[in-house]
Protein backbone atom coordinates (compact mmCIF):
# COMPACT_ATOMS: atom_id res chain seq x y z
CA MET A 1 40.01 79.81 112.28
CA LYS A 2 40.48 83.26 113.77
CA ILE A 3 43.61 85.16 112.75
CA LEU A 4 45.54 86.50 115.73
CA GLU A 5 46.34 90.20 115.71
CA ILE A 6 49.75 91.06 114.27
CA PRO A 7 51.31 93.71 116.52
CA ASP A 8 51.93 97.01 114.73
CA LEU A 9 50.91 95.65 111.32
CA LEU A 10 48.56 98.51 110.50
CA THR A 11 49.93 101.21 112.76
CA SER A 12 51.29 104.38 111.22
CA GLY A 13 55.02 104.92 111.04
CA ARG A 14 57.67 103.37 108.81
CA THR A 15 56.44 102.24 105.42
CA LYS A 16 56.56 98.46 105.33
CA VAL A 17 58.18 96.41 102.57
CA MET A 18 56.23 93.45 101.24
CA GLY A 19 58.44 90.98 99.39
CA ILE A 20 56.99 89.11 96.41
CA VAL A 21 57.39 85.34 96.11
CA ASN A 22 55.99 84.30 92.71
CA VAL A 23 55.49 80.54 92.58
CA THR A 24 54.64 80.77 88.89
CA PRO A 25 56.18 79.81 85.55
CA ASP A 26 54.82 82.88 83.77
CA SER A 27 55.07 86.02 85.90
CA PHE A 28 55.93 89.07 83.77
CA SER A 29 58.90 89.84 85.99
CA ASP A 30 60.48 86.67 87.36
CA GLY A 31 58.30 83.84 86.15
CA GLY A 32 59.96 80.46 86.55
CA GLN A 33 62.79 81.55 88.85
CA TRP A 34 61.02 80.39 92.02
CA PHE A 35 58.56 77.87 90.57
CA GLU A 36 60.05 74.86 92.35
CA PRO A 37 58.96 74.79 96.02
CA GLU A 38 62.47 74.54 97.48
CA LYS A 39 63.66 77.49 95.39
CA ALA A 40 60.61 79.51 96.42
CA ILE A 41 61.19 78.70 100.10
CA SER A 42 64.85 79.69 99.81
CA HIS A 43 63.83 82.92 98.09
CA ALA A 44 61.33 83.68 100.86
CA LEU A 45 64.07 83.21 103.45
CA GLU A 46 66.36 85.50 101.43
CA LEU A 47 63.69 88.22 101.31
CA GLU A 48 63.17 87.87 105.06
CA ALA A 49 66.93 88.27 105.62
CA ALA A 50 66.95 91.32 103.32
CA GLY A 51 64.49 93.07 105.62
CA ALA A 52 61.02 92.21 104.34
CA ASP A 53 58.23 93.02 106.80
CA ILE A 54 55.69 90.83 105.00
CA LEU A 55 55.95 88.10 102.38
CA ASP A 56 53.35 87.94 99.59
CA ILE A 57 53.17 84.44 98.16
CA GLY A 58 51.20 83.80 94.98
CA GLY A 59 50.75 80.91 92.58
CA GLU A 60 48.83 82.54 89.72
CA SER A 61 50.17 85.17 87.36
CA THR A 62 47.97 88.26 87.11
CA ARG A 63 49.81 89.91 84.22
CA PRO A 64 47.58 91.18 81.39
CA GLY A 65 46.30 88.25 79.34
CA ALA A 66 47.30 85.59 81.87
CA GLU A 67 45.21 82.43 81.78
CA PRO A 68 43.29 81.57 84.97
CA LEU A 69 44.43 78.73 87.21
CA SER A 70 42.20 76.29 89.05
CA ALA A 71 42.10 76.53 92.84
CA VAL A 72 43.53 73.02 93.09
CA GLN A 73 46.50 73.88 90.87
CA GLU A 74 47.05 77.10 92.77
CA GLN A 75 47.09 75.33 96.13
CA GLU A 76 49.51 72.70 94.84
CA ARG A 77 51.90 75.56 94.12
CA VAL A 78 51.56 77.77 97.19
CA LEU A 79 50.76 75.54 100.16
CA PRO A 80 54.11 73.66 100.18
CA VAL A 81 55.91 77.01 100.05
CA ILE A 82 53.89 78.50 102.90
CA ARG A 83 54.40 75.44 105.10
CA GLY A 84 58.06 75.08 104.15
CA TYR A 85 58.86 78.72 104.87
CA LEU A 86 57.12 78.65 108.25
CA ASP A 87 58.95 75.44 109.12
CA LYS A 88 62.39 76.77 108.18
CA SER A 89 62.19 80.34 109.44
CA SER A 90 63.09 80.99 113.07
CA ASN A 91 61.26 84.32 113.05
CA PRO A 92 58.84 84.26 110.11
CA CYS A 93 57.35 87.35 108.56
CA PRO A 94 53.56 87.66 108.38
CA ILE A 95 52.41 85.93 105.20
CA SER A 96 50.09 87.46 102.63
CA LEU A 97 48.51 85.09 100.11
CA ASP A 98 47.95 86.58 96.65
CA THR A 99 44.77 84.87 95.44
CA VAL A 100 41.30 85.55 94.06
CA ASN A 101 40.00 82.12 95.08
CA ALA A 102 38.11 81.74 98.35
CA GLU A 103 38.99 78.06 98.56
CA THR A 104 42.70 78.85 98.28
CA ALA A 105 42.38 81.65 100.83
CA GLN A 106 40.78 79.25 103.29
CA ALA A 107 43.47 76.62 102.73
CA GLY A 108 46.18 79.25 103.07
CA ILE A 109 44.77 80.53 106.35
CA ALA A 110 44.71 76.97 107.67
CA ALA A 111 48.40 76.68 106.70
CA GLY A 112 49.39 79.88 108.54
CA VAL A 113 48.51 82.82 106.26
CA GLN A 114 47.35 85.98 108.06
CA ILE A 115 46.64 88.30 105.13
CA VAL A 116 44.57 87.70 101.99
CA ASN A 117 45.68 89.83 99.03
CA ASP A 118 42.85 89.82 96.48
CA ILE A 119 43.49 91.73 93.24
CA SER A 120 39.77 91.62 92.45
CA GLY A 121 38.53 93.07 95.73
CA GLY A 122 36.17 90.15 96.10
CA THR A 123 34.57 90.40 92.65
CA MET A 124 36.02 87.24 91.08
CA ASP A 125 34.85 84.79 93.76
CA PRO A 126 31.60 85.60 95.59
CA GLN A 127 32.73 83.53 98.60
CA MET A 128 35.97 85.43 99.19
CA LEU A 129 34.58 88.09 101.52
CA THR A 130 32.77 85.42 103.52
CA VAL A 131 36.00 83.49 104.03
CA VAL A 132 37.83 86.66 105.08
CA ALA A 133 35.05 87.61 107.49
CA GLU A 134 34.69 84.15 109.06
CA ASN A 135 38.43 83.96 109.73
CA ASP A 136 38.80 87.61 110.76
CA ALA A 137 41.73 87.81 108.35
CA TYR A 138 43.55 90.92 107.27
CA TYR A 139 42.34 91.77 103.77
CA ILE A 140 44.00 93.70 100.95
CA CYS A 141 41.18 94.91 98.73
CA GLN A 142 42.49 95.99 95.34
CA HIS A 143 40.71 98.01 92.68
CA MET A 144 40.37 96.28 89.34
CA ARG A 145 37.90 96.13 86.49
CA GLY A 146 37.23 92.88 84.65
CA ASN A 147 39.93 90.24 84.92
CA PRO A 148 43.51 89.79 83.64
CA GLN A 149 42.16 88.83 80.21
CA THR A 150 39.92 91.91 79.82
CA MET A 151 41.29 94.63 82.09
CA ASP A 152 43.41 96.42 79.48
CA SER A 153 40.21 97.26 77.59
CA LEU A 154 38.51 98.76 80.65
CA CYS A 155 40.58 101.89 81.25
CA ASN A 156 37.95 104.57 80.55
CA TYR A 157 37.31 106.63 83.67
CA GLY A 158 35.82 109.65 81.96
CA GLY A 159 38.96 111.68 82.49
CA ASP A 160 38.96 111.17 86.28
CA VAL A 161 40.82 108.00 87.20
CA VAL A 162 41.40 109.11 90.80
CA GLY A 163 37.70 109.72 91.32
CA GLY A 164 36.79 106.50 89.52
CA VAL A 165 39.15 104.40 91.62
CA SER A 166 38.00 106.13 94.82
CA ARG A 167 34.38 105.37 93.99
CA GLY A 168 35.22 101.80 93.04
CA LEU A 169 37.08 101.19 96.28
CA THR A 170 34.25 102.79 98.27
CA GLU A 171 31.84 100.28 96.71
CA ARG A 172 34.13 97.42 97.72
CA ILE A 173 34.45 98.79 101.27
CA ARG A 174 30.66 98.68 101.51
CA ALA A 175 30.64 95.12 100.17
CA CYS A 176 33.26 94.14 102.76
CA GLU A 177 31.24 95.72 105.54
CA LYS A 178 28.05 93.98 104.39
CA ALA A 179 29.86 90.62 104.35
CA GLY A 180 31.11 91.12 107.90
CA VAL A 181 34.78 91.76 107.08
CA ASN A 182 36.62 93.38 109.98
CA LEU A 183 37.21 96.89 108.61
CA ARG A 184 39.93 97.45 111.21
CA ARG A 185 41.92 94.88 109.22
CA LEU A 186 41.20 96.30 105.78
CA ILE A 187 43.93 97.59 103.45
CA LEU A 188 43.27 99.26 100.09
CA ASP A 189 45.30 98.98 96.88
CA PRO A 190 44.51 101.26 93.90
CA GLY A 191 45.67 98.53 91.51
CA LEU A 192 48.33 100.26 89.41
CA GLY A 193 48.30 98.73 85.92
CA PHE A 194 45.06 96.85 86.53
CA ALA A 195 42.57 98.42 84.13
CA LYS A 196 44.72 101.56 84.12
CA SER A 197 46.85 103.01 81.37
CA ALA A 198 50.41 104.08 82.10
CA GLN A 199 49.34 107.72 82.42
CA GLN A 200 46.49 106.77 84.74
CA SER A 201 48.83 104.79 86.99
CA TRP A 202 51.05 107.86 87.31
CA GLU A 203 48.01 110.02 88.07
CA LEU A 204 47.10 107.68 90.91
CA LEU A 205 50.62 107.86 92.32
CA GLY A 206 50.49 111.63 92.13
CA ASN A 207 47.24 111.72 94.10
CA LEU A 208 47.86 109.25 96.90
CA ASP A 209 46.75 111.90 99.40
CA LYS A 210 43.25 111.78 97.91
CA LEU A 211 43.13 107.98 98.11
CA ALA A 212 44.35 108.16 101.71
CA LYS A 213 41.23 110.17 102.54
CA LEU A 214 39.23 106.96 102.17
CA GLY A 215 40.54 106.27 105.67
CA TYR A 216 42.39 102.97 105.23
CA PRO A 217 46.04 101.94 104.95
CA LEU A 218 47.29 101.90 101.36
CA LEU A 219 49.42 99.27 99.65
CA ILE A 220 51.22 100.34 96.48
CA GLY A 221 52.33 97.68 94.00
CA ALA A 222 54.43 99.38 91.33
CA SER A 223 57.30 96.92 91.18
CA ARG A 224 58.69 96.52 87.64
CA LYS A 225 55.32 97.29 86.05
CA ARG A 226 55.00 98.48 82.46
CA PHE A 227 53.86 102.01 83.33
CA LEU A 228 57.31 102.72 84.80
CA GLU A 229 58.70 102.69 81.25
CA MET A 230 57.53 106.32 80.95
CA ALA A 231 60.35 107.24 83.34
CA VAL A 232 63.07 104.94 82.05
CA PRO A 233 65.14 105.53 78.88
CA ALA A 234 65.58 102.27 76.96
CA GLN A 235 69.32 102.86 76.57
CA TRP A 236 69.76 102.19 80.29
CA ASP A 237 69.41 98.46 79.56
CA ASN A 238 73.14 97.88 79.42
CA HIS A 239 73.83 99.68 82.68
CA LEU A 240 71.51 97.83 85.06
CA PRO A 241 71.77 94.40 86.73
CA ALA A 242 71.45 91.38 84.48
CA GLY A 243 69.29 88.34 85.10
CA LEU A 244 65.84 89.68 84.24
CA GLU A 245 64.01 90.20 81.00
CA PRO A 246 64.95 93.64 79.55
CA GLY A 247 61.71 95.43 80.41
CA ALA A 248 61.77 94.35 84.06
CA ARG A 249 65.49 95.12 84.33
CA ARG A 250 64.91 98.67 83.08
CA ARG A 251 62.22 99.25 85.67
CA GLU A 252 64.13 98.25 88.79
CA ALA A 253 65.62 101.67 89.58
CA ALA A 254 62.27 103.36 88.94
CA THR A 255 60.61 100.89 91.30
CA THR A 256 63.07 101.85 94.03
CA ALA A 257 62.38 105.55 93.46
CA VAL A 258 58.64 104.97 93.80
CA SER A 259 59.24 103.15 97.09
CA ALA A 260 61.11 106.18 98.46
CA LEU A 261 58.34 108.55 97.38
CA CYS A 262 55.69 106.29 98.91
CA ALA A 263 57.55 106.36 102.21
CA GLN A 264 57.79 110.14 102.01
CA ALA A 265 54.00 110.16 101.56
CA SER A 266 53.52 107.85 104.60
CA ILE A 267 52.05 105.01 102.56
CA TRP A 268 51.48 101.87 104.65
CA ALA A 269 53.45 99.44 102.47
CA VAL A 270 55.07 98.84 99.08
CA ARG A 271 54.94 95.47 97.34
CA VAL A 272 58.25 94.77 95.59
CA HIS A 273 60.49 92.11 94.08
CA ASN A 274 63.78 93.63 95.24
CA VAL A 275 63.37 93.94 99.00
CA ALA A 276 66.88 95.13 99.86
CA ALA A 277 66.66 98.12 97.50
CA SER A 278 63.25 99.19 98.80
CA VAL A 279 64.23 98.79 102.45
CA SER A 280 66.89 101.47 101.85
CA ALA A 281 64.51 103.52 99.73
CA VAL A 282 61.77 103.67 102.36
CA ALA A 283 64.38 104.66 104.94
CA VAL A 284 65.37 107.59 102.71
CA GLY A 285 61.74 108.61 102.25
CA ARG A 286 61.01 108.41 105.97
CA LEU A 287 64.07 110.46 106.93
CA TRP A 288 63.29 113.04 104.25
CA ARG A 289 59.73 113.36 105.57
CA GLU A 290 60.80 113.61 109.20
CA ILE A 291 63.43 116.26 108.52
CA SER A 292 61.11 118.32 106.30
CA CYS A 293 58.46 118.31 109.05
CA ARG A 294 60.75 119.78 111.73
């Protein structure tokens, strides 16, 4: 199956907002809230209405220490949501499928997915790049070392995390090219929090211009991640929206700030849980950039 081109998906301009739909019982941020297919479909429609440009649907938690899921289990979670959303939406967003499994990627593409979002950059399933290439899919290639069980122990970059991530992504670009992946549909993600300490994640955010020199659109996934705690006083807990576990609740405002700064830096897209907040934030960042460039 050949993926049709999505008009303006990778063109420069307004930073896009990718809304997260976690069809999992154990996500660090909202695990269990959207685990039932009908709830996940309703949530996807809500994110679309809030202004999402892309929906990222995933069935396997990738938080540190998360246990792996079989491809069959993963597909049982995500495929009904993909099909249900496409059936119920009158103007559906492009769908990104968050998976490291080639078999799930293939099934998702058959169900209507246009973008494969692979946190491993093709290292956890040797068939992934082949599936992406054969379907001419859009591909988000993320930097990561190890897997969710081991990545927290693999944060040594010899004092140069930006250089290490740049070299790692360059290796994956070469692997994509060798496998026949359409590089005009390639998106890079530095993988904040994936085999990176909190300080290293901030260093990557502070050097997005260097990562941009790799020549591909960048996706930034900072939403509610642990490294944001460095910017958030714990006493703010009682002054932010309820409904989430305390750590994630503390990180919501910081997430929104990162989205604004990413837009100011002309980043291609931000991957977030709270779409409405980031839609406003990227508008602020874009306007700030445009006015400062006059």
